Amino acid sequence: MFIDVVDLRNFYAQPLGIVARRFVGQGIRAHWNEVRGERIAGIGYTTPYLGIFREDAERCLAFMPASQGVVKWPSNRAGLASLVDETDLPLTDAAVDRVLLVHALEMADDPVRLLREVWRVLSANGRLLAVVPNRRGLWARVDTTPFGHGRPYSRSQITRILRETLFAPKGWGEALFVPPVQRNWFLRSAGAWERAGPTVLAPFPGVHIVEASKQAYRAIPVRREKRVLVPRLEPALAPSPGGAVRTSTSSFLGAGVPGQGR
């Protein structure tokens, strides 16, 4: 179940949300550092992160699920956000080059169906970038942040669901090694936590950031066809000496001379 959009907006306006936006945004940018001329769609609550691409991308669109709600974005320009059914996007096939998922996969009632819809709207060389709460991280255990809601994933679970929906994981990243503590004095050390995290707290980041490419074709396992046994001889009707009809296979044996059966 998706979190209400007002709660999401309020979280990112708080000091802890600002820290989360900073470090998750850095992780996203590390994967997508060149998006010039490309079309990007964000699904979930992606507006804190889509802004970093607006100057370079051809267009950025924010699709917010109906059960979450929608807010105007950007606030000072023509709106680029829309309320949608996340499993039935208002886009044609292969309409966008990249899709960003934030607060989406773990919230979706049917994540497989969501990813199949993402596959549909991505171009042949399209790429997906998903920010997903880590099942082992502290952020997934605290429900005072959006990352503590929905279903968190391990890396193997993310890999499995991506492959099931015809995506191939291409790159991994992590973010939010800093504990989710709502104290300004503690958040001053957030940068040190984030720098030391990959070495000291490697298994316990708050989120996984996984990039995946769209697979245009799926391998189908080869199965040996079953052999069907066909009889070499089939019954045939042939006249008997007394004028009755009897069953014979003589025509198949090459001995169809009248009277031979007497």
C-alpha atoms as a PDB file:
ATOM      1  CA  MET A   1       0.000   0.000   0.000  1.00  0.00           C
ATOM      2  CA  PHE A   2       1.379   3.396  -1.011  1.00  0.00           C
ATOM      3  CA  ILE A   3       2.000   6.106   1.581  1.00  0.00           C
ATOM      4  CA  ASP A   4      -0.051   9.274   1.288  1.00  0.00           C
ATOM      5  CA  VAL A   5       1.685  11.879  -0.821  1.00  0.00           C
ATOM      6  CA  VAL A   6       1.326  14.508   1.922  1.00  0.00           C
ATOM      7  CA  ASP A   7       3.357  12.343   4.313  1.00  0.00           C
ATOM      8  CA  LEU A   8       6.021  11.862   1.668  1.00  0.00           C
ATOM      9  CA  ARG A   9       6.238  15.583   0.989  1.00  0.00           C
ATOM     10  CA  ASN A  10       6.457  16.358   4.705  1.00  0.00           C
ATOM     11  CA  PHE A  11       9.239  13.805   5.213  1.00  0.00           C
ATOM     12  CA  TYR A  12      11.436  15.340   2.526  1.00  0.00           C
ATOM     13  CA  ALA A  13      10.912  18.771   4.061  1.00  0.00           C
ATOM     14  CA  GLN A  14      12.392  17.615   7.404  1.00  0.00           C
ATOM     15  CA  PRO A  15      16.139  17.505   8.183  1.00  0.00           C
ATOM     16  CA  LEU A  16      16.288  13.693   7.934  1.00  0.00           C
ATOM     17  CA  GLY A  17      14.453  13.797   4.611  1.00  0.00           C
ATOM     18  CA  ILE A  18      16.882  16.396   3.289  1.00  0.00           C
ATOM     19  CA  VAL A  19      19.776  14.118   4.244  1.00  0.00           C
ATOM     20  CA  ALA A  20      18.088  11.142   2.569  1.00  0.00           C
ATOM     21  CA  ARG A  21      17.475  13.161  -0.577  1.00  0.00           C
ATOM     22  CA  ARG A  22      21.105  14.225  -0.683  1.00  0.00           C
ATOM     23  CA  PHE A  23      22.652  10.765  -0.396  1.00  0.00           C
ATOM     24  CA  VAL A  24      20.096   8.849  -2.458  1.00  0.00           C
ATOM     25  CA  GLY A  25      20.352  11.554  -5.123  1.00  0.00           C
ATOM     26  CA  GLN A  26      24.124  11.104  -5.227  1.00  0.00           C
ATOM     27  CA  GLY A  27      23.653   7.363  -5.721  1.00  0.00           C
ATOM     28  CA  ILE A  28      21.175   7.906  -8.534  1.00  0.00           C
ATOM     29  CA  ARG A  29      23.429  10.407 -10.254  1.00  0.00           C
ATOM     30  CA  ALA A  30      26.374   8.016 -10.020  1.00  0.00           C
ATOM     31  CA  HIS A  31      24.498   5.557 -12.232  1.00  0.00           C
ATOM     32  CA  TRP A  32      22.929   8.093 -14.588  1.00  0.00           C
ATOM     33  CA  ASN A  33      25.546  10.753 -15.131  1.00  0.00           C
ATOM     34  CA  GLU A  34      24.696  11.299 -18.796  1.00  0.00           C
ATOM     35  CA  VAL A  35      21.055  11.678 -19.807  1.00  0.00           C
ATOM     36  CA  ARG A  36      21.287  14.399 -22.424  1.00  0.00           C
ATOM     37  CA  GLY A  37      18.376  14.259 -24.849  1.00  0.00           C
ATOM     38  CA  GLU A  38      16.708  11.280 -23.201  1.00  0.00           C
ATOM     39  CA  ARG A  39      13.139  10.831 -21.973  1.00  0.00           C
ATOM     40  CA  ILE A  40      12.819   9.949 -18.279  1.00  0.00           C
ATOM     41  CA  ALA A  41       9.742   8.808 -16.381  1.00  0.00           C
ATOM     42  CA  GLY A  42       9.588   8.552 -12.601  1.00  0.00           C
ATOM     43  CA  ILE A  43       7.101   6.226 -10.899  1.00  0.00           C
ATOM     44  CA  GLY A  44       6.235   6.434  -7.222  1.00  0.00           C
ATOM     45  CA  TYR A  45       7.419   9.571  -5.430  1.00  0.00           C
ATOM     46  CA  THR A  46      10.389  10.619  -7.532  1.00  0.00           C
ATOM     47  CA  THR A  47      10.090  14.403  -7.567  1.00  0.00           C
ATOM     48  CA  PRO A  48      12.887  14.920  -4.985  1.00  0.00           C
ATOM     49  CA  TYR A  49      15.244  13.246  -7.480  1.00  0.00           C
ATOM     50  CA  LEU A  50      13.922  13.975 -10.979  1.00  0.00           C
ATOM     51  CA  GLY A  51      14.971  17.592 -10.709  1.00  0.00           C
ATOM     52  CA  ILE A  52      18.655  16.704 -11.104  1.00  0.00           C
ATOM     53  CA  PHE A  53      17.950  15.582 -14.691  1.00  0.00           C
ATOM     54  CA  ARG A  54      15.607  18.297 -15.913  1.00  0.00           C
ATOM     55  CA  GLU A  55      18.298  20.499 -17.417  1.00  0.00           C
ATOM     56  CA  ASP A  56      19.842  17.717 -19.494  1.00  0.00           C
ATOM     57  CA  ALA A  57      17.009  15.324 -20.339  1.00  0.00           C
ATOM     58  CA  GLU A  58      14.619  15.935 -23.216  1.00  0.00           C
ATOM     59  CA  ARG A  59      11.742  15.596 -20.757  1.00  0.00           C
ATOM     60  CA  CYS A  60      11.023  14.358 -17.237  1.00  0.00           C
ATOM     61  CA  LEU A  61       7.598  13.076 -16.233  1.00  0.00           C
ATOM     62  CA  ALA A  62       6.469  12.130 -12.726  1.00  0.00           C
ATOM     63  CA  PHE A  63       3.788   9.459 -12.473  1.00  0.00           C
ATOM     64  CA  MET A  64       2.267   9.146  -9.003  1.00  0.00           C
ATOM     65  CA  PRO A  65       0.072   6.125  -8.151  1.00  0.00           C
ATOM     66  CA  ALA A  66      -3.620   6.811  -7.545  1.00  0.00           C
ATOM     67  CA  SER A  67      -3.549   5.244  -4.070  1.00  0.00           C
ATOM     68  CA  GLN A  68      -0.700   7.598  -3.126  1.00  0.00           C
ATOM     69  CA  GLY A  69      -2.008  10.872  -4.469  1.00  0.00           C
ATOM     70  CA  VAL A  70      -0.344  13.591  -6.490  1.00  0.00           C
ATOM     71  CA  VAL A  71       1.187  17.005  -5.841  1.00  0.00           C
ATOM     72  CA  LYS A  72       2.059  19.642  -8.407  1.00  0.00           C
ATOM     73  CA  TRP A  73       5.582  19.393  -9.760  1.00  0.00           C
ATOM     74  CA  PRO A  74       7.493  21.519 -10.459  1.00  0.00           C
ATOM     75  CA  SER A  75       5.905  24.130  -8.275  1.00  0.00           C
ATOM     76  CA  ASN A  76       6.930  27.161 -10.339  1.00  0.00           C
ATOM     77  CA  ARG A  77       6.476  25.863 -13.890  1.00  0.00           C
ATOM     78  CA  ALA A  78       3.987  23.977 -16.011  1.00  0.00           C
ATOM     79  CA  GLY A  79       3.014  20.724 -14.295  1.00  0.00           C
ATOM     80  CA  LEU A  80       4.884  17.529 -15.212  1.00  0.00           C
ATOM     81  CA  ALA A  81       3.237  15.257 -12.629  1.00  0.00           C
ATOM     82  CA  SER A  82       0.220  13.040 -13.221  1.00  0.00           C
ATOM     83  CA  LEU A  83      -1.995  10.731 -11.169  1.00  0.00           C
ATOM     84  CA  VAL A  84      -1.982   7.256 -12.753  1.00  0.00           C
ATOM     85  CA  ASP A  85      -2.639   3.585 -12.328  1.00  0.00           C
ATOM     86  CA  GLU A  86       0.945   2.375 -11.973  1.00  0.00           C
ATOM     87  CA  THR A  87       0.117  -0.858 -13.818  1.00  0.00           C
ATOM     88  CA  ASP A  88      -1.508   0.953 -16.763  1.00  0.00           C
ATOM     89  CA  LEU A  89       0.602   3.980 -17.616  1.00  0.00           C
ATOM     90  CA  PRO A  90      -0.707   6.568 -20.108  1.00  0.00           C
ATOM     91  CA  LEU A  91       2.213   5.946 -22.455  1.00  0.00           C
ATOM     92  CA  THR A  92       2.625   4.107 -25.720  1.00  0.00           C
ATOM     93  CA  ASP A  93       4.991   1.158 -26.068  1.00  0.00           C
ATOM     94  CA  ALA A  94       8.697   2.090 -25.957  1.00  0.00           C
ATOM     95  CA  ALA A  95       7.839   5.713 -25.125  1.00  0.00           C
ATOM     96  CA  VAL A  96      10.684   6.511 -22.696  1.00  0.00           C
ATOM     97  CA  ASP A  97      14.401   5.813 -22.465  1.00  0.00           C
ATOM     98  CA  ARG A  98      14.706   5.518 -18.680  1.00  0.00           C
ATOM     99  CA  VAL A  99      12.418   4.790 -15.741  1.00  0.00           C
ATOM    100  CA  LEU A 100      13.184   5.738 -12.143  1.00  0.00           C
ATOM    101  CA  LEU A 101      11.384   3.893  -9.326  1.00  0.00           C
ATOM    102  CA  VAL A 102      11.417   5.432  -5.832  1.00  0.00           C
ATOM    103  CA  HIS A 103       8.912   4.494  -3.096  1.00  0.00           C
ATOM    104  CA  ALA A 104       7.284   2.271  -5.711  1.00  0.00           C
ATOM    105  CA  LEU A 105       8.468  -1.329  -5.891  1.00  0.00           C
ATOM    106  CA  GLU A 106       8.186  -1.998  -2.160  1.00  0.00           C
ATOM    107  CA  MET A 107       4.779  -0.279  -1.988  1.00  0.00           C
ATOM    108  CA  ALA A 108       3.119  -1.922  -4.990  1.00  0.00           C
ATOM    109  CA  ASP A 109       0.390  -4.498  -4.413  1.00  0.00           C
ATOM    110  CA  ASP A 110       1.631  -6.384  -7.478  1.00  0.00           C
ATOM    111  CA  PRO A 111       5.319  -5.563  -8.085  1.00  0.00           C
ATOM    112  CA  VAL A 112       5.597  -8.062 -10.951  1.00  0.00           C
ATOM    113  CA  ARG A 113       2.778  -6.384 -12.832  1.00  0.00           C
ATOM    114  CA  LEU A 114       4.351  -2.975 -12.165  1.00  0.00           C
ATOM    115  CA  LEU A 115       7.681  -4.080 -13.618  1.00  0.00           C
ATOM    116  CA  ARG A 116       6.001  -5.596 -16.662  1.00  0.00           C
ATOM    117  CA  GLU A 117       4.356  -2.253 -17.338  1.00  0.00           C
ATOM    118  CA  VAL A 118       7.743  -0.561 -16.969  1.00  0.00           C
ATOM    119  CA  TRP A 119       9.136  -3.050 -19.488  1.00  0.00           C
ATOM    120  CA  ARG A 120       6.369  -2.140 -21.933  1.00  0.00           C
ATOM    121  CA  VAL A 121       6.985   1.611 -21.893  1.00  0.00           C
ATOM    122  CA  LEU A 122      10.789   1.381 -22.052  1.00  0.00           C
ATOM    123  CA  SER A 123      12.554   1.606 -25.390  1.00  0.00           C
ATOM    124  CA  ALA A 124      14.575  -1.334 -26.699  1.00  0.00           C
ATOM    125  CA  ASN A 125      17.765  -0.049 -25.056  1.00  0.00           C
ATOM    126  CA  GLY A 126      15.936   1.403 -22.084  1.00  0.00           C
ATOM    127  CA  ARG A 127      17.230   1.291 -18.524  1.00  0.00           C
ATOM    128  CA  LEU A 128      15.531   1.016 -15.178  1.00  0.00           C
ATOM    129  CA  LEU A 129      16.879   2.430 -11.918  1.00  0.00           C
ATOM    130  CA  ALA A 130      15.140   1.317  -8.724  1.00  0.00           C
ATOM    131  CA  VAL A 131      15.692   2.589  -5.186  1.00  0.00           C
ATOM    132  CA  VAL A 132      14.527  -0.178  -2.834  1.00  0.00           C
ATOM    133  CA  PRO A 133      14.729  -0.445   0.975  1.00  0.00           C
ATOM    134  CA  ASN A 134      17.265  -3.000   2.165  1.00  0.00           C
ATOM    135  CA  ARG A 135      15.724  -5.786   4.226  1.00  0.00           C
ATOM    136  CA  ARG A 136      18.769  -5.837   6.535  1.00  0.00           C
ATOM    137  CA  GLY A 137      19.093  -2.087   6.935  1.00  0.00           C
ATOM    138  CA  LEU A 138      18.024   0.102   9.846  1.00  0.00           C
ATOM    139  CA  TRP A 139      15.801   2.299   7.692  1.00  0.00           C
ATOM    140  CA  ALA A 140      13.484  -0.632   6.919  1.00  0.00           C
ATOM    141  CA  ARG A 141      12.951  -1.196  10.656  1.00  0.00           C
ATOM    142  CA  VAL A 142      11.804   2.330  11.507  1.00  0.00           C
ATOM    143  CA  ASP A 143       8.346   3.340  10.321  1.00  0.00           C
ATOM    144  CA  THR A 144       8.917   7.062  10.904  1.00  0.00           C
ATOM    145  CA  THR A 145      10.382   7.291   7.390  1.00  0.00           C
ATOM    146  CA  PRO A 146       8.891   6.181   4.041  1.00  0.00           C
ATOM    147  CA  PHE A 147      11.644   3.580   3.699  1.00  0.00           C
ATOM    148  CA  GLY A 148      10.173   1.727   6.695  1.00  0.00           C
ATOM    149  CA  HIS A 149       6.889   1.011   4.911  1.00  0.00           C
ATOM    150  CA  GLY A 150       6.026  -1.669   2.396  1.00  0.00           C
ATOM    151  CA  ARG A 151       8.123  -4.723   1.671  1.00  0.00           C
ATOM    152  CA  PRO A 152      11.932  -4.364   1.871  1.00  0.00           C
ATOM    153  CA  TYR A 153      14.084  -6.547  -0.369  1.00  0.00           C
ATOM    154  CA  SER A 154      17.396  -8.340  -0.218  1.00  0.00           C
ATOM    155  CA  ARG A 155      19.706  -8.187  -3.207  1.00  0.00           C
ATOM    156  CA  SER A 156      18.845 -11.736  -4.244  1.00  0.00           C
ATOM    157  CA  GLN A 157      15.114 -10.984  -4.086  1.00  0.00           C
ATOM    158  CA  ILE A 158      15.545  -7.912  -6.287  1.00  0.00           C
ATOM    159  CA  THR A 159      17.582  -9.924  -8.789  1.00  0.00           C
ATOM    160  CA  ARG A 160      14.935 -12.643  -8.905  1.00  0.00           C
ATOM    161  CA  ILE A 161      12.010 -10.320  -9.542  1.00  0.00           C
ATOM    162  CA  LEU A 162      13.922  -8.358 -12.183  1.00  0.00           C
ATOM    163  CA  ARG A 163      14.834 -11.479 -14.112  1.00  0.00           C
ATOM    164  CA  GLU A 164      11.273 -12.748 -13.868  1.00  0.00           C
ATOM    165  CA  THR A 165      10.071  -9.570 -15.572  1.00  0.00           C
ATOM    166  CA  LEU A 166      12.727  -9.585 -18.329  1.00  0.00           C
ATOM    167  CA  PHE A 167      15.250  -7.185 -16.816  1.00  0.00           C
ATOM    168  CA  ALA A 168      18.959  -7.854 -16.386  1.00  0.00           C
ATOM    169  CA  PRO A 169      20.670  -6.191 -13.372  1.00  0.00           C
ATOM    170  CA  LYS A 170      23.681  -4.200 -14.588  1.00  0.00           C
ATOM    171  CA  GLY A 171      24.913  -2.250 -11.591  1.00  0.00           C
ATOM    172  CA  TRP A 172      24.455  -1.960  -7.847  1.00  0.00           C
ATOM    173  CA  GLY A 173      24.862   0.817  -5.345  1.00  0.00           C
ATOM    174  CA  GLU A 174      23.894   1.575  -1.769  1.00  0.00           C
ATOM    175  CA  ALA A 175      22.969   4.650   0.227  1.00  0.00           C
ATOM    176  CA  LEU A 176      21.778   5.750   3.667  1.00  0.00           C
ATOM    177  CA  PHE A 177      24.370   4.178   5.931  1.00  0.00           C
ATOM    178  CA  VAL A 178      23.591   6.905   8.455  1.00  0.00           C
ATOM    179  CA  PRO A 179      21.022   5.705  11.052  1.00  0.00           C
ATOM    180  CA  PRO A 180      17.554   7.299  10.720  1.00  0.00           C
ATOM    181  CA  VAL A 181      17.848   9.534  13.783  1.00  0.00           C
ATOM    182  CA  GLN A 182      15.777  12.740  13.779  1.00  0.00           C
ATOM    183  CA  ARG A 183      18.308  14.883  15.649  1.00  0.00           C
ATOM    184  CA  ASN A 184      20.051  17.847  14.080  1.00  0.00           C
ATOM    185  CA  TRP A 185      23.221  17.360  16.106  1.00  0.00           C
ATOM    186  CA  PHE A 186      23.446  13.737  14.938  1.00  0.00           C
ATOM    187  CA  LEU A 187      22.719  14.561  11.302  1.00  0.00           C
ATOM    188  CA  ARG A 188      25.778  16.813  11.234  1.00  0.00           C
ATOM    189  CA  SER A 189      27.852  13.628  11.131  1.00  0.00           C
ATOM    190  CA  ALA A 190      25.804  12.120   8.277  1.00  0.00           C
ATOM    191  CA  GLY A 191      28.572  12.688   5.754  1.00  0.00           C
ATOM    192  CA  ALA A 192      31.068  10.741   7.860  1.00  0.00           C
ATOM    193  CA  TRP A 193      28.606   7.855   8.216  1.00  0.00           C
ATOM    194  CA  GLU A 194      28.078   7.753   4.467  1.00  0.00           C
ATOM    195  CA  ARG A 195      31.798   7.778   3.675  1.00  0.00           C
ATOM    196  CA  ALA A 196      32.624   5.044   6.194  1.00  0.00           C
ATOM    197  CA  GLY A 197      29.541   2.954   5.495  1.00  0.00           C
ATOM    198  CA  PRO A 198      30.745   0.947   2.452  1.00  0.00           C
ATOM    199  CA  THR A 199      33.730  -0.238   4.503  1.00  0.00           C
ATOM    200  CA  VAL A 200      32.372  -0.540   8.031  1.00  0.00           C
ATOM    201  CA  LEU A 201      28.648  -1.157   7.483  1.00  0.00           C
ATOM    202  CA  ALA A 202      28.690  -2.810   4.060  1.00  0.00           C
ATOM    203  CA  PRO A 203      25.757  -5.257   4.637  1.00  0.00           C
ATOM    204  CA  PHE A 204      23.486  -2.663   6.269  1.00  0.00           C
ATOM    205  CA  PRO A 205      22.752   0.259   3.923  1.00  0.00           C
ATOM    206  CA  GLY A 206      19.310   1.775   4.109  1.00  0.00           C
ATOM    207  CA  VAL A 207      18.549   1.281   0.417  1.00  0.00           C
ATOM    208  CA  HIS A 208      19.732  -0.648  -2.607  1.00  0.00           C
ATOM    209  CA  ILE A 209      20.103   1.273  -5.854  1.00  0.00           C
ATOM    210  CA  VAL A 210      19.987  -1.161  -8.745  1.00  0.00           C
ATOM    211  CA  GLU A 211      20.238  -0.412 -12.448  1.00  0.00           C
ATOM    212  CA  ALA A 212      18.811  -2.902 -14.941  1.00  0.00           C
ATOM    213  CA  SER A 213      18.527  -3.090 -18.701  1.00  0.00           C
ATOM    214  CA  LYS A 214      15.529  -4.250 -20.659  1.00  0.00           C
ATOM    215  CA  GLN A 215      15.817  -7.663 -22.265  1.00  0.00           C
ATOM    216  CA  ALA A 216      14.157  -7.628 -25.665  1.00  0.00           C
ATOM    217  CA  TYR A 217      14.238 -11.402 -25.984  1.00  0.00           C
ATOM    218  CA  ARG A 218      13.835 -14.193 -23.494  1.00  0.00           C
ATOM    219  CA  ALA A 219      15.659 -17.499 -23.661  1.00  0.00           C
ATOM    220  CA  ILE A 220      13.282 -20.453 -23.995  1.00  0.00           C
ATOM    221  CA  PRO A 221      14.516 -23.850 -22.789  1.00  0.00           C
ATOM    222  CA  VAL A 222      14.739 -26.471 -25.523  1.00  0.00           C
ATOM    223  CA  ARG A 223      12.563 -29.499 -24.941  1.00  0.00           C
ATOM    224  CA  ARG A 224      12.894 -32.818 -26.710  1.00  0.00           C
ATOM    225  CA  GLU A 225       9.762 -33.570 -28.695  1.00  0.00           C
ATOM    226  CA  LYS A 226       7.981 -36.764 -27.850  1.00  0.00           C
ATOM    227  CA  ARG A 227       8.086 -39.372 -30.597  1.00  0.00           C
ATOM    228  CA  VAL A 228       4.706 -40.580 -31.762  1.00  0.00           C
ATOM    229  CA  LEU A 229       4.658 -44.224 -32.760  1.00  0.00           C
ATOM    230  CA  VAL A 230       2.620 -44.813 -35.928  1.00  0.00           C
ATOM    231  CA  PRO A 231       1.699 -48.406 -36.913  1.00  0.00           C
ATOM    232  CA  ARG A 232       3.410 -49.506 -40.094  1.00  0.00           C
ATOM    233  CA  LEU A 233       0.350 -51.502 -41.165  1.00  0.00           C
ATOM    234  CA  GLU A 234      -3.251 -50.408 -40.965  1.00  0.00           C
ATOM    235  CA  PRO A 235      -6.315 -52.618 -41.378  1.00  0.00           C
ATOM    236  CA  ALA A 236      -7.909 -52.519 -44.849  1.00  0.00           C
ATOM    237  CA  LEU A 237     -11.157 -53.969 -46.220  1.00  0.00           C
ATOM    238  CA  ALA A 238     -10.812 -56.669 -48.881  1.00  0.00           C
ATOM    239  CA  PRO A 239     -13.448 -59.000 -50.471  1.00  0.00           C
ATOM    240  CA  SER A 240     -13.504 -62.612 -49.290  1.00  0.00           C
ATOM    241  CA  PRO A 241     -14.169 -65.571 -51.610  1.00  0.00           C
ATOM    242  CA  GLY A 242     -17.761 -65.843 -50.393  1.00  0.00           C
ATOM    243  CA  GLY A 243     -18.534 -62.209 -51.137  1.00  0.00           C
ATOM    244  CA  ALA A 244     -18.227 -61.072 -47.517  1.00  0.00           C
ATOM    245  CA  VAL A 245     -15.974 -58.287 -46.479  1.00  0.00           C
ATOM    246  CA  ARG A 246     -12.977 -59.178 -44.357  1.00  0.00           C
ATOM    247  CA  THR A 247     -10.052 -57.290 -42.881  1.00  0.00           C
ATOM    248  CA  SER A 248      -6.735 -57.752 -44.591  1.00  0.00           C
ATOM    249  CA  THR A 249      -3.278 -56.260 -44.738  1.00  0.00           C
ATOM    250  CA  SER A 250      -2.305 -57.944 -47.957  1.00  0.00           C
ATOM    251  CA  SER A 251      -2.255 -54.714 -49.938  1.00  0.00           C
ATOM    252  CA  PHE A 252       0.389 -53.408 -47.578  1.00  0.00           C
ATOM    253  CA  LEU A 253       2.428 -56.587 -47.895  1.00  0.00           C
ATOM    254  CA  GLY A 254       2.450 -56.537 -51.667  1.00  0.00           C
ATOM    255  CA  ALA A 255       0.472 -59.810 -51.966  1.00  0.00           C
ATOM    256  CA  GLY A 256      -2.899 -58.567 -53.159  1.00  0.00           C
ATOM    257  CA  VAL A 257      -3.511 -61.370 -55.726  1.00  0.00           C
ATOM    258  CA  PRO A 258      -7.211 -62.483 -55.689  1.00  0.00           C
ATOM    259  CA  GLY A 259      -7.661 -65.864 -54.170  1.00  0.00           C
ATOM    260  CA  GLN A 260      -4.334 -65.877 -52.375  1.00  0.00           C
ATOM    261  CA  GLY A 261      -6.018 -65.906 -48.994  1.00  0.00           C
ATOM    262  CA  ARG A 262      -7.823 -69.273 -49.624  1.00  0.00           C
END
